[in-house]
Amino acid sequence: MRNSSDKNYLEYDISEVIIGNGGKQLLYEAFATLCNPGYEVLIPTPCYVSYADQIRLTGARAVFVPTTEENEFIPRLEDVQKLWNPKVKVLVINSPCNPTGAVFPRKETKRIMDFLIENETFVVTDEVYEYLLYNGAKHISPAALDPKYKPWCSCCQQFV
């Protein structure tokens, strides 16, 4: 097992780590922890098929943030702002994305993270495909982009 600081430039205390039997279980646990009935969760689309159902099980509502091939399936800050409202408590970032392979770029991720923190909105990151990178793409966990982001991120990662 590699040290998380070697892999994603992040260090966690053992009290900050939950180990599960797979990403699907851990993602559900993150949603169950962060969501209550009446909350909304923003999910860029196309997306992993289980997110919406996992969110629905918490009593929260999945709100889809459309992306397009023209923007390389990456949501822009403006896309998130259009759908954000006080009921939104979480945004999902799946990078590299299943099913599109899109990798969130640093600059846009920082813009989105700053907006979310300003609006007290958490981020659940699904990073289990971080080794499936193509055409020179580079993965970085949103929590590693700035120390102020880490407390707002719940990261689902696979350590091998």
C-alpha atoms as a PDB file:
ATOM      1  CA  MET A   1       0.000   0.000   0.000  1.00  0.00           C
ATOM      2  CA  ARG A   2       1.334   3.428  -0.898  1.00  0.00           C
ATOM      3  CA  ASN A   3       1.235   6.405   1.418  1.00  0.00           C
ATOM      4  CA  SER A   4      -1.498   8.859   0.406  1.00  0.00           C
ATOM      5  CA  SER A   5       0.945  11.757   0.520  1.00  0.00           C
ATOM      6  CA  ASP A   6       3.092   9.994  -2.098  1.00  0.00           C
ATOM      7  CA  LYS A   7       0.112   9.516  -4.363  1.00  0.00           C
ATOM      8  CA  ASN A   8      -2.070  12.610  -4.085  1.00  0.00           C
ATOM      9  CA  TYR A   9       0.006  15.065  -2.075  1.00  0.00           C
ATOM     10  CA  LEU A  10      -2.458  14.681   0.803  1.00  0.00           C
ATOM     11  CA  GLU A  11      -1.900  13.483   4.320  1.00  0.00           C
ATOM     12  CA  TYR A  12      -4.670  12.150   6.519  1.00  0.00           C
ATOM     13  CA  ASP A  13      -4.666  11.194  10.144  1.00  0.00           C
ATOM     14  CA  ILE A  14      -5.952   7.668  10.751  1.00  0.00           C
ATOM     15  CA  SER A  15      -9.023   9.235  12.395  1.00  0.00           C
ATOM     16  CA  GLU A  16      -9.897  10.776   9.014  1.00  0.00           C
ATOM     17  CA  VAL A  17      -9.881   7.491   7.094  1.00  0.00           C
ATOM     18  CA  ILE A  18     -12.711   5.018   6.520  1.00  0.00           C
ATOM     19  CA  ILE A  19     -11.939   1.717   4.841  1.00  0.00           C
ATOM     20  CA  GLY A  20     -14.687  -0.094   2.996  1.00  0.00           C
ATOM     21  CA  ASN A  21     -15.206  -3.046   0.713  1.00  0.00           C
ATOM     22  CA  GLY A  22     -15.491  -0.895  -2.385  1.00  0.00           C
ATOM     23  CA  GLY A  23     -16.133   2.520  -3.844  1.00  0.00           C
ATOM     24  CA  LYS A  24     -19.893   2.057  -4.139  1.00  0.00           C
ATOM     25  CA  GLN A  25     -20.241   1.416  -0.392  1.00  0.00           C
ATOM     26  CA  LEU A  26     -18.008   4.353   0.538  1.00  0.00           C
ATOM     27  CA  LEU A  27     -19.771   6.745  -1.825  1.00  0.00           C
ATOM     28  CA  TYR A  28     -23.122   5.820  -0.311  1.00  0.00           C
ATOM     29  CA  GLU A  29     -21.730   6.335   3.193  1.00  0.00           C
ATOM     30  CA  ALA A  30     -20.446   9.779   2.195  1.00  0.00           C
ATOM     31  CA  PHE A  31     -23.868  10.758   0.802  1.00  0.00           C
ATOM     32  CA  ALA A  32     -25.630   9.313   3.867  1.00  0.00           C
ATOM     33  CA  THR A  33     -23.362  11.404   6.106  1.00  0.00           C
ATOM     34  CA  LEU A  34     -23.699  14.669   4.187  1.00  0.00           C
ATOM     35  CA  CYS A  35     -27.314  14.537   2.992  1.00  0.00           C
ATOM     36  CA  ASN A  36     -30.671  14.924   4.683  1.00  0.00           C
ATOM     37  CA  PRO A  37     -34.167  14.861   3.219  1.00  0.00           C
ATOM     38  CA  GLY A  38     -34.767  18.003   1.180  1.00  0.00           C
ATOM     39  CA  TYR A  39     -31.091  18.550   0.338  1.00  0.00           C
ATOM     40  CA  GLU A  40     -29.870  18.598  -3.257  1.00  0.00           C
ATOM     41  CA  VAL A  41     -26.694  17.141  -4.744  1.00  0.00           C
ATOM     42  CA  LEU A  42     -25.241  18.407  -8.034  1.00  0.00           C
ATOM     43  CA  ILE A  43     -23.934  15.696 -10.358  1.00  0.00           C
ATOM     44  CA  PRO A  44     -22.226  16.458 -13.688  1.00  0.00           C
ATOM     45  CA  THR A  45     -23.575  14.257 -16.495  1.00  0.00           C
ATOM     46  CA  PRO A  46     -22.997  11.842 -18.084  1.00  0.00           C
ATOM     47  CA  CYS A  47     -22.302  10.173 -14.744  1.00  0.00           C
ATOM     48  CA  TYR A  48     -21.825   6.900 -12.937  1.00  0.00           C
ATOM     49  CA  VAL A  49     -25.193   5.187 -12.815  1.00  0.00           C
ATOM     50  CA  SER A  50     -25.401   4.635  -9.020  1.00  0.00           C
ATOM     51  CA  TYR A  51     -24.967   8.222  -7.764  1.00  0.00           C
ATOM     52  CA  ALA A  52     -28.585   9.315  -8.198  1.00  0.00           C
ATOM     53  CA  ASP A  53     -30.027   6.232  -6.498  1.00  0.00           C
ATOM     54  CA  GLN A  54     -27.573   6.466  -3.609  1.00  0.00           C
ATOM     55  CA  ILE A  55     -28.546  10.101  -3.094  1.00  0.00           C
ATOM     56  CA  ARG A  56     -32.256   9.286  -3.360  1.00  0.00           C
ATOM     57  CA  LEU A  57     -31.848   6.724  -0.538  1.00  0.00           C
ATOM     58  CA  THR A  58     -30.801   9.571   1.789  1.00  0.00           C
ATOM     59  CA  GLY A  59     -33.974  11.555   1.034  1.00  0.00           C
ATOM     60  CA  ALA A  60     -31.970  14.116  -0.922  1.00  0.00           C
ATOM     61  CA  ARG A  61     -32.512  14.909  -4.609  1.00  0.00           C
ATOM     62  CA  ALA A  62     -29.996  14.480  -7.423  1.00  0.00           C
ATOM     63  CA  VAL A  63     -29.751  17.523  -9.714  1.00  0.00           C
ATOM     64  CA  PHE A  64     -27.911  16.927 -12.965  1.00  0.00           C
ATOM     65  CA  VAL A  65     -25.377  19.425 -14.314  1.00  0.00           C
ATOM     66  CA  PRO A  66     -25.307  18.866 -18.080  1.00  0.00           C
ATOM     67  CA  THR A  67     -21.974  18.820 -19.871  1.00  0.00           C
ATOM     68  CA  THR A  68     -21.205  18.499 -23.556  1.00  0.00           C
ATOM     69  CA  GLU A  69     -18.559  17.085 -25.808  1.00  0.00           C
ATOM     70  CA  GLU A  70     -17.684  20.683 -26.785  1.00  0.00           C
ATOM     71  CA  ASN A  71     -16.619  21.415 -23.193  1.00  0.00           C
ATOM     72  CA  GLU A  72     -14.932  17.988 -22.928  1.00  0.00           C
ATOM     73  CA  PHE A  73     -17.622  16.812 -20.477  1.00  0.00           C
ATOM     74  CA  ILE A  74     -16.305  19.148 -17.785  1.00  0.00           C
ATOM     75  CA  PRO A  75     -18.807  21.317 -15.923  1.00  0.00           C
ATOM     76  CA  ARG A  76     -17.884  24.989 -15.866  1.00  0.00           C
ATOM     77  CA  LEU A  77     -18.363  27.245 -12.876  1.00  0.00           C
ATOM     78  CA  GLU A  78     -21.218  28.921 -14.723  1.00  0.00           C
ATOM     79  CA  ASP A  79     -22.975  25.539 -15.119  1.00  0.00           C
ATOM     80  CA  VAL A  80     -22.735  24.915 -11.370  1.00  0.00           C
ATOM     81  CA  GLN A  81     -23.839  28.459 -10.488  1.00  0.00           C
ATOM     82  CA  LYS A  82     -26.984  28.143 -12.641  1.00  0.00           C
ATOM     83  CA  LEU A  83     -28.181  25.165 -10.607  1.00  0.00           C
ATOM     84  CA  TRP A  84     -26.874  26.091  -7.173  1.00  0.00           C
ATOM     85  CA  ASN A  85     -29.390  27.154  -4.540  1.00  0.00           C
ATOM     86  CA  PRO A  86     -29.442  27.006  -0.710  1.00  0.00           C
ATOM     87  CA  LYS A  87     -30.735  23.395  -0.780  1.00  0.00           C
ATOM     88  CA  VAL A  88     -27.553  22.252  -2.566  1.00  0.00           C
ATOM     89  CA  LYS A  89     -25.223  20.737   0.019  1.00  0.00           C
ATOM     90  CA  VAL A  90     -22.926  18.593  -2.145  1.00  0.00           C
ATOM     91  CA  LEU A  91     -21.333  18.505  -5.601  1.00  0.00           C
ATOM     92  CA  VAL A  92     -19.964  15.234  -6.978  1.00  0.00           C
ATOM     93  CA  ILE A  93     -16.636  15.330  -8.796  1.00  0.00           C
ATOM     94  CA  ASN A  94     -15.758  12.102 -10.602  1.00  0.00           C
ATOM     95  CA  SER A  95     -12.353  12.578 -12.185  1.00  0.00           C
ATOM     96  CA  PRO A  96     -11.353  10.753 -14.272  1.00  0.00           C
ATOM     97  CA  CYS A  97     -15.014  10.363 -15.027  1.00  0.00           C
ATOM     98  CA  ASN A  98     -16.882   7.132 -15.544  1.00  0.00           C
ATOM     99  CA  PRO A  99     -18.188   6.970 -18.295  1.00  0.00           C
ATOM    100  CA  THR A 100     -16.574   9.833 -20.270  1.00  0.00           C
ATOM    101  CA  GLY A 101     -12.937   9.675 -19.143  1.00  0.00           C
ATOM    102  CA  ALA A 102     -12.982  13.454 -18.615  1.00  0.00           C
ATOM    103  CA  VAL A 103     -10.359  14.763 -16.192  1.00  0.00           C
ATOM    104  CA  PHE A 104     -11.198  17.957 -14.327  1.00  0.00           C
ATOM    105  CA  PRO A 105      -8.551  20.615 -15.050  1.00  0.00           C
ATOM    106  CA  ARG A 106      -6.919  22.410 -12.112  1.00  0.00           C
ATOM    107  CA  LYS A 107      -8.022  25.923 -13.033  1.00  0.00           C
ATOM    108  CA  GLU A 108     -11.722  25.107 -13.427  1.00  0.00           C
ATOM    109  CA  THR A 109     -11.704  22.844 -10.381  1.00  0.00           C
ATOM    110  CA  LYS A 110     -10.276  25.691  -8.289  1.00  0.00           C
ATOM    111  CA  ARG A 111     -12.919  28.104  -9.577  1.00  0.00           C
ATOM    112  CA  ILE A 112     -15.670  25.640  -8.690  1.00  0.00           C
ATOM    113  CA  MET A 113     -14.136  24.803  -5.293  1.00  0.00           C
ATOM    114  CA  ASP A 114     -13.870  28.491  -4.345  1.00  0.00           C
ATOM    115  CA  PHE A 115     -17.521  29.023  -5.233  1.00  0.00           C
ATOM    116  CA  LEU A 116     -18.613  25.949  -3.285  1.00  0.00           C
ATOM    117  CA  ILE A 117     -16.683  26.882  -0.151  1.00  0.00           C
ATOM    118  CA  GLU A 118     -18.055  30.422  -0.317  1.00  0.00           C
ATOM    119  CA  ASN A 119     -21.509  28.805  -0.358  1.00  0.00           C
ATOM    120  CA  GLU A 120     -20.743  26.165   2.298  1.00  0.00           C
ATOM    121  CA  THR A 121     -21.193  23.267  -0.107  1.00  0.00           C
ATOM    122  CA  PHE A 122     -19.285  19.996   0.285  1.00  0.00           C
ATOM    123  CA  VAL A 123     -17.659  17.942  -2.458  1.00  0.00           C
ATOM    124  CA  VAL A 124     -17.704  14.169  -2.767  1.00  0.00           C
ATOM    125  CA  THR A 125     -14.885  13.131  -5.056  1.00  0.00           C
ATOM    126  CA  ASP A 126     -14.894   9.756  -6.757  1.00  0.00           C
ATOM    127  CA  GLU A 127     -11.273   9.195  -7.721  1.00  0.00           C
ATOM    128  CA  VAL A 128     -11.206   5.418  -8.142  1.00  0.00           C
ATOM    129  CA  TYR A 129     -10.226   5.726 -11.814  1.00  0.00           C
ATOM    130  CA  GLU A 130      -7.268   8.007 -11.181  1.00  0.00           C
ATOM    131  CA  TYR A 131      -4.855   5.634 -12.915  1.00  0.00           C
ATOM    132  CA  LEU A 132      -6.919   5.442 -16.098  1.00  0.00           C
ATOM    133  CA  LEU A 133      -5.454   8.488 -17.803  1.00  0.00           C
ATOM    134  CA  TYR A 134      -4.945   9.052 -21.501  1.00  0.00           C
ATOM    135  CA  ASN A 135      -3.448  11.637 -23.852  1.00  0.00           C
ATOM    136  CA  GLY A 136      -1.186  13.119 -21.178  1.00  0.00           C
ATOM    137  CA  ALA A 137      -4.007  13.921 -18.743  1.00  0.00           C
ATOM    138  CA  LYS A 138      -2.975  14.343 -15.101  1.00  0.00           C
ATOM    139  CA  HIS A 139      -5.178  13.578 -12.119  1.00  0.00           C
ATOM    140  CA  ILE A 140      -5.070  15.651  -8.965  1.00  0.00           C
ATOM    141  CA  SER A 141      -7.437  15.384  -6.068  1.00  0.00           C
ATOM    142  CA  PRO A 142      -9.403  18.625  -5.542  1.00  0.00           C
ATOM    143  CA  ALA A 143      -8.454  18.408  -1.856  1.00  0.00           C
ATOM    144  CA  ALA A 144      -4.776  18.728  -2.851  1.00  0.00           C
ATOM    145  CA  LEU A 145      -5.183  21.922  -4.886  1.00  0.00           C
ATOM    146  CA  ASP A 146      -5.291  24.198  -1.830  1.00  0.00           C
ATOM    147  CA  PRO A 147      -5.172  23.423   1.918  1.00  0.00           C
ATOM    148  CA  LYS A 148      -8.478  25.259   2.415  1.00  0.00           C
ATOM    149  CA  TYR A 149     -10.241  22.696   0.167  1.00  0.00           C
ATOM    150  CA  LYS A 150      -9.406  19.579   2.182  1.00  0.00           C
ATOM    151  CA  PRO A 151     -12.036  20.036   4.956  1.00  0.00           C
ATOM    152  CA  TRP A 152     -14.741  20.409   2.277  1.00  0.00           C
ATOM    153  CA  CYS A 153     -13.822  17.233   0.376  1.00  0.00           C
ATOM    154  CA  SER A 154     -14.823  13.652   1.029  1.00  0.00           C
ATOM    155  CA  CYS A 155     -12.509  11.627  -1.189  1.00  0.00           C
ATOM    156  CA  CYS A 156     -13.247   8.101  -2.345  1.00  0.00           C
ATOM    157  CA  GLN A 157      -9.881   6.742  -3.456  1.00  0.00           C
ATOM    158  CA  GLN A 158      -8.429   3.337  -4.030  1.00  0.00           C
ATOM    159  CA  PHE A 159      -5.007   2.719  -2.540  1.00  0.00           C
ATOM    160  CA  VAL A 160      -2.926   0.024  -4.150  1.00  0.00           C
END
